[in-house]
């Protein structure tokens, strides 16, 4: 039986290092409060690393992130919230099946957003199954594409690949 994305990642202690696309990762469990991801970018600081209106960008990222990772979000909306989403239909199907197999009702809560450039941000978040935290202080990347913030393809594909036991996921 396939393990769900969240349940597999919950038991994974692997730190992920990534290149220019950003990163994603998670912590081993709800009791751990240390982010496991290693990013290739530095935390936001003064000197032009944030968009022109960081408050509006944080609001958009939070809404987008929490909507994308919610079980009830329609596929068409999920595609629009994902970087290169139109090419990731097969990967979305894999992720949906992982959740179905595990009986998950996902929701996300964004805790912190740090801009690493005007077009990229590191998102620290919690993934829940109903009210139970599955991933606490997970780390992912949001990217600005055509004026809209989206979940990075690398973040999504890394999570889905982990849930697929590290096997190649179509489109990723």
C-alpha atoms as a PDB file:
ATOM      1  CA  UNK A   1       0.000   0.000   0.000  1.00  0.00           C
ATOM      2  CA  UNK A   2       1.298   3.461  -0.864  1.00  0.00           C
ATOM      3  CA  UNK A   3       2.172   5.707   2.023  1.00  0.00           C
ATOM      4  CA  UNK A   4       0.849   9.222   1.892  1.00  0.00           C
ATOM      5  CA  UNK A   5       3.118  12.146   1.214  1.00  0.00           C
ATOM      6  CA  UNK A   6       2.655  13.513   4.707  1.00  0.00           C
ATOM      7  CA  UNK A   7       3.103  10.225   6.527  1.00  0.00           C
ATOM      8  CA  UNK A   8       6.267   9.371   4.626  1.00  0.00           C
ATOM      9  CA  UNK A   9       7.768  12.787   5.191  1.00  0.00           C
ATOM     10  CA  UNK A  10       6.804  12.608   8.863  1.00  0.00           C
ATOM     11  CA  UNK A  11       9.252   9.755   9.304  1.00  0.00           C
ATOM     12  CA  UNK A  12      11.925  11.206   7.040  1.00  0.00           C
ATOM     13  CA  UNK A  13      14.902  12.998   8.545  1.00  0.00           C
ATOM     14  CA  UNK A  14      16.642  13.782   5.288  1.00  0.00           C
ATOM     15  CA  UNK A  15      17.726  17.389   4.814  1.00  0.00           C
ATOM     16  CA  UNK A  16      17.341  18.628   1.266  1.00  0.00           C
ATOM     17  CA  UNK A  17      19.835  20.918  -0.426  1.00  0.00           C
ATOM     18  CA  UNK A  18      18.762  22.520  -3.668  1.00  0.00           C
ATOM     19  CA  UNK A  19      19.997  24.896  -6.302  1.00  0.00           C
ATOM     20  CA  UNK A  20      18.497  28.002  -7.794  1.00  0.00           C
ATOM     21  CA  UNK A  21      14.904  26.753  -7.777  1.00  0.00           C
ATOM     22  CA  UNK A  22      14.473  26.893  -3.991  1.00  0.00           C
ATOM     23  CA  UNK A  23      13.884  24.117  -1.529  1.00  0.00           C
ATOM     24  CA  UNK A  24      11.372  22.115   0.334  1.00  0.00           C
ATOM     25  CA  UNK A  25      11.614  19.869   3.312  1.00  0.00           C
ATOM     26  CA  UNK A  26      10.116  18.966   6.583  1.00  0.00           C
ATOM     27  CA  UNK A  27      10.844  18.045  10.087  1.00  0.00           C
ATOM     28  CA  UNK A  28      10.710  14.526  11.403  1.00  0.00           C
ATOM     29  CA  UNK A  29       7.606  15.113  13.492  1.00  0.00           C
ATOM     30  CA  UNK A  30       5.307  17.491  15.308  1.00  0.00           C
ATOM     31  CA  UNK A  31       7.453  17.641  18.461  1.00  0.00           C
ATOM     32  CA  UNK A  32      10.527  18.803  16.549  1.00  0.00           C
ATOM     33  CA  UNK A  33      10.645  22.555  15.974  1.00  0.00           C
ATOM     34  CA  UNK A  34      13.796  22.788  13.867  1.00  0.00           C
ATOM     35  CA  UNK A  35      13.309  23.185  10.102  1.00  0.00           C
ATOM     36  CA  UNK A  36      15.079  20.363   8.255  1.00  0.00           C
ATOM     37  CA  UNK A  37      15.479  22.029   4.880  1.00  0.00           C
ATOM     38  CA  UNK A  38      18.745  23.537   3.801  1.00  0.00           C
ATOM     39  CA  UNK A  39      18.396  26.303   1.256  1.00  0.00           C
ATOM     40  CA  UNK A  40      20.869  27.782  -1.157  1.00  0.00           C
ATOM     41  CA  UNK A  41      19.681  31.303  -0.423  1.00  0.00           C
ATOM     42  CA  UNK A  42      20.259  33.559   2.527  1.00  0.00           C
ATOM     43  CA  UNK A  43      17.534  34.979   4.777  1.00  0.00           C
ATOM     44  CA  UNK A  44      15.963  38.255   3.786  1.00  0.00           C
ATOM     45  CA  UNK A  45      17.678  41.389   4.927  1.00  0.00           C
ATOM     46  CA  UNK A  46      17.685  45.024   3.978  1.00  0.00           C
ATOM     47  CA  UNK A  47      19.022  45.794   0.540  1.00  0.00           C
ATOM     48  CA  UNK A  48      16.334  44.869  -1.969  1.00  0.00           C
ATOM     49  CA  UNK A  49      15.542  41.254  -1.121  1.00  0.00           C
ATOM     50  CA  UNK A  50      11.806  41.858  -0.696  1.00  0.00           C
ATOM     51  CA  UNK A  51       9.169  42.808  -3.265  1.00  0.00           C
ATOM     52  CA  UNK A  52       7.981  46.421  -3.488  1.00  0.00           C
ATOM     53  CA  UNK A  53       5.036  45.715  -1.169  1.00  0.00           C
ATOM     54  CA  UNK A  54       6.105  42.923   1.222  1.00  0.00           C
ATOM     55  CA  UNK A  55       2.892  43.111   3.267  1.00  0.00           C
ATOM     56  CA  UNK A  56       0.697  42.496   0.219  1.00  0.00           C
ATOM     57  CA  UNK A  57       3.066  39.776  -1.008  1.00  0.00           C
ATOM     58  CA  UNK A  58       2.952  37.976   2.366  1.00  0.00           C
ATOM     59  CA  UNK A  59      -0.846  38.099   2.320  1.00  0.00           C
ATOM     60  CA  UNK A  60      -0.962  36.669  -1.205  1.00  0.00           C
ATOM     61  CA  UNK A  61       1.601  33.955  -0.396  1.00  0.00           C
ATOM     62  CA  UNK A  62      -0.262  32.918   2.755  1.00  0.00           C
ATOM     63  CA  UNK A  63      -3.604  32.679   0.965  1.00  0.00           C
ATOM     64  CA  UNK A  64      -2.081  30.866  -2.007  1.00  0.00           C
ATOM     65  CA  UNK A  65      -0.091  28.389   0.140  1.00  0.00           C
ATOM     66  CA  UNK A  66      -2.969  27.512   2.451  1.00  0.00           C
ATOM     67  CA  UNK A  67      -5.342  27.117  -0.496  1.00  0.00           C
ATOM     68  CA  UNK A  68      -2.959  24.927  -2.509  1.00  0.00           C
ATOM     69  CA  UNK A  69      -2.307  22.520   0.366  1.00  0.00           C
ATOM     70  CA  UNK A  70      -6.003  22.212   1.347  1.00  0.00           C
ATOM     71  CA  UNK A  71      -7.711  18.921   0.474  1.00  0.00           C
ATOM     72  CA  UNK A  72     -10.869  20.700  -0.723  1.00  0.00           C
ATOM     73  CA  UNK A  73      -9.150  22.842  -3.360  1.00  0.00           C
ATOM     74  CA  UNK A  74     -10.352  22.103  -6.885  1.00  0.00           C
ATOM     75  CA  UNK A  75      -7.751  20.680  -9.264  1.00  0.00           C
ATOM     76  CA  UNK A  76      -8.078  23.657 -11.647  1.00  0.00           C
ATOM     77  CA  UNK A  77      -7.328  26.062  -8.811  1.00  0.00           C
ATOM     78  CA  UNK A  78      -4.410  23.935  -7.564  1.00  0.00           C
ATOM     79  CA  UNK A  79      -2.904  23.996 -11.062  1.00  0.00           C
ATOM     80  CA  UNK A  80      -3.115  27.799 -11.102  1.00  0.00           C
ATOM     81  CA  UNK A  81      -1.347  28.043  -7.716  1.00  0.00           C
ATOM     82  CA  UNK A  82       1.577  25.821  -8.711  1.00  0.00           C
ATOM     83  CA  UNK A  83       4.633  26.940 -10.674  1.00  0.00           C
ATOM     84  CA  UNK A  84       4.432  25.231 -14.078  1.00  0.00           C
ATOM     85  CA  UNK A  85       1.164  23.708 -12.868  1.00  0.00           C
ATOM     86  CA  UNK A  86      -0.153  23.018 -16.366  1.00  0.00           C
ATOM     87  CA  UNK A  87       2.645  20.457 -16.867  1.00  0.00           C
ATOM     88  CA  UNK A  88       2.137  18.765 -13.481  1.00  0.00           C
ATOM     89  CA  UNK A  89      -1.253  17.092 -13.919  1.00  0.00           C
ATOM     90  CA  UNK A  90       0.205  13.592 -13.518  1.00  0.00           C
ATOM     91  CA  UNK A  91       2.123  14.631 -10.388  1.00  0.00           C
ATOM     92  CA  UNK A  92      -1.047  16.163  -8.922  1.00  0.00           C
ATOM     93  CA  UNK A  93      -2.822  12.863  -9.561  1.00  0.00           C
ATOM     94  CA  UNK A  94      -0.067  11.006  -7.677  1.00  0.00           C
ATOM     95  CA  UNK A  95      -0.361  13.433  -4.729  1.00  0.00           C
ATOM     96  CA  UNK A  96      -4.166  13.141  -4.662  1.00  0.00           C
ATOM     97  CA  UNK A  97      -3.944   9.343  -4.689  1.00  0.00           C
ATOM     98  CA  UNK A  98      -1.416   9.360  -1.833  1.00  0.00           C
ATOM     99  CA  UNK A  99      -3.836  11.434   0.267  1.00  0.00           C
ATOM    100  CA  UNK A 100      -6.786   9.217  -0.665  1.00  0.00           C
ATOM    101  CA  UNK A 101      -4.883   6.032   0.180  1.00  0.00           C
ATOM    102  CA  UNK A 102      -3.997   7.449   3.603  1.00  0.00           C
ATOM    103  CA  UNK A 103      -7.436   8.973   4.247  1.00  0.00           C
ATOM    104  CA  UNK A 104      -5.977  12.452   4.753  1.00  0.00           C
ATOM    105  CA  UNK A 105      -7.880  15.692   5.034  1.00  0.00           C
ATOM    106  CA  UNK A 106      -5.054  18.184   4.562  1.00  0.00           C
ATOM    107  CA  UNK A 107      -4.798  21.808   5.516  1.00  0.00           C
ATOM    108  CA  UNK A 108      -1.825  24.113   5.922  1.00  0.00           C
ATOM    109  CA  UNK A 109      -0.982  27.017   8.199  1.00  0.00           C
ATOM    110  CA  UNK A 110       1.750  29.455   7.164  1.00  0.00           C
ATOM    111  CA  UNK A 111       3.901  30.504  10.103  1.00  0.00           C
ATOM    112  CA  UNK A 112       6.662  32.629   8.577  1.00  0.00           C
ATOM    113  CA  UNK A 113       7.627  34.087   5.206  1.00  0.00           C
ATOM    114  CA  UNK A 114      11.169  35.296   4.489  1.00  0.00           C
ATOM    115  CA  UNK A 115      11.911  36.953   1.171  1.00  0.00           C
ATOM    116  CA  UNK A 116      15.168  35.838  -0.412  1.00  0.00           C
ATOM    117  CA  UNK A 117      14.649  38.047  -3.474  1.00  0.00           C
ATOM    118  CA  UNK A 118      11.837  40.173  -4.881  1.00  0.00           C
ATOM    119  CA  UNK A 119      10.551  37.044  -6.675  1.00  0.00           C
ATOM    120  CA  UNK A 120      11.230  34.252  -4.173  1.00  0.00           C
ATOM    121  CA  UNK A 121      10.358  33.562  -0.533  1.00  0.00           C
ATOM    122  CA  UNK A 122      10.985  30.779   1.946  1.00  0.00           C
ATOM    123  CA  UNK A 123       7.739  29.665   3.592  1.00  0.00           C
ATOM    124  CA  UNK A 124       7.738  27.989   7.002  1.00  0.00           C
ATOM    125  CA  UNK A 125       4.466  26.156   7.546  1.00  0.00           C
ATOM    126  CA  UNK A 126       2.585  23.374   9.283  1.00  0.00           C
ATOM    127  CA  UNK A 127       0.731  20.622   7.444  1.00  0.00           C
ATOM    128  CA  UNK A 128      -2.250  19.204   9.305  1.00  0.00           C
ATOM    129  CA  UNK A 129      -4.500  16.192   8.877  1.00  0.00           C
ATOM    130  CA  UNK A 130      -7.681  17.760  10.204  1.00  0.00           C
ATOM    131  CA  UNK A 131      -6.391  19.185  13.532  1.00  0.00           C
ATOM    132  CA  UNK A 132      -3.377  16.894  13.921  1.00  0.00           C
ATOM    133  CA  UNK A 133      -0.006  18.349  12.843  1.00  0.00           C
ATOM    134  CA  UNK A 134       1.780  16.067  10.380  1.00  0.00           C
ATOM    135  CA  UNK A 135       4.648  18.369   9.436  1.00  0.00           C
ATOM    136  CA  UNK A 136       5.674  21.042  11.892  1.00  0.00           C
ATOM    137  CA  UNK A 137       7.935  23.830  10.646  1.00  0.00           C
ATOM    138  CA  UNK A 138       8.157  22.448   7.134  1.00  0.00           C
ATOM    139  CA  UNK A 139      10.044  24.657   4.709  1.00  0.00           C
ATOM    140  CA  UNK A 140       9.166  25.378   1.096  1.00  0.00           C
ATOM    141  CA  UNK A 141       9.587  28.050  -1.535  1.00  0.00           C
ATOM    142  CA  UNK A 142       7.086  30.428  -3.114  1.00  0.00           C
ATOM    143  CA  UNK A 143       7.988  32.023  -6.446  1.00  0.00           C
ATOM    144  CA  UNK A 144       6.554  35.029  -8.268  1.00  0.00           C
ATOM    145  CA  UNK A 145       5.406  34.029 -11.765  1.00  0.00           C
ATOM    146  CA  UNK A 146       3.713  36.508 -14.095  1.00  0.00           C
ATOM    147  CA  UNK A 147       2.744  38.737 -11.155  1.00  0.00           C
ATOM    148  CA  UNK A 148       1.314  35.929  -8.974  1.00  0.00           C
ATOM    149  CA  UNK A 149       2.886  33.984  -6.101  1.00  0.00           C
ATOM    150  CA  UNK A 150       2.921  30.207  -6.534  1.00  0.00           C
ATOM    151  CA  UNK A 151       4.193  27.085  -4.779  1.00  0.00           C
ATOM    152  CA  UNK A 152       7.507  26.304  -6.453  1.00  0.00           C
ATOM    153  CA  UNK A 153       7.625  23.249  -8.688  1.00  0.00           C
ATOM    154  CA  UNK A 154      10.666  22.006  -6.775  1.00  0.00           C
ATOM    155  CA  UNK A 155       8.860  22.206  -3.417  1.00  0.00           C
ATOM    156  CA  UNK A 156       5.830  20.335  -4.747  1.00  0.00           C
ATOM    157  CA  UNK A 157       7.811  17.723  -6.666  1.00  0.00           C
ATOM    158  CA  UNK A 158      10.112  17.020  -3.724  1.00  0.00           C
ATOM    159  CA  UNK A 159       7.152  16.379  -1.433  1.00  0.00           C
ATOM    160  CA  UNK A 160       5.352  14.182  -3.964  1.00  0.00           C
ATOM    161  CA  UNK A 161       8.538  12.238  -4.717  1.00  0.00           C
ATOM    162  CA  UNK A 162       9.046  11.549  -1.023  1.00  0.00           C
ATOM    163  CA  UNK A 163       5.469  10.316  -0.803  1.00  0.00           C
ATOM    164  CA  UNK A 164       6.123   8.048  -3.788  1.00  0.00           C
ATOM    165  CA  UNK A 165       8.999   6.386  -1.953  1.00  0.00           C
ATOM    166  CA  UNK A 166      11.558   8.393  -3.946  1.00  0.00           C
ATOM    167  CA  UNK A 167      10.368   7.057  -7.313  1.00  0.00           C
ATOM    168  CA  UNK A 168      10.243   9.357 -10.308  1.00  0.00           C
ATOM    169  CA  UNK A 169       6.984  11.281 -10.474  1.00  0.00           C
ATOM    170  CA  UNK A 170       5.651  12.144 -13.953  1.00  0.00           C
ATOM    171  CA  UNK A 171       6.201  15.825 -14.762  1.00  0.00           C
ATOM    172  CA  UNK A 172       8.668  16.436 -11.946  1.00  0.00           C
END
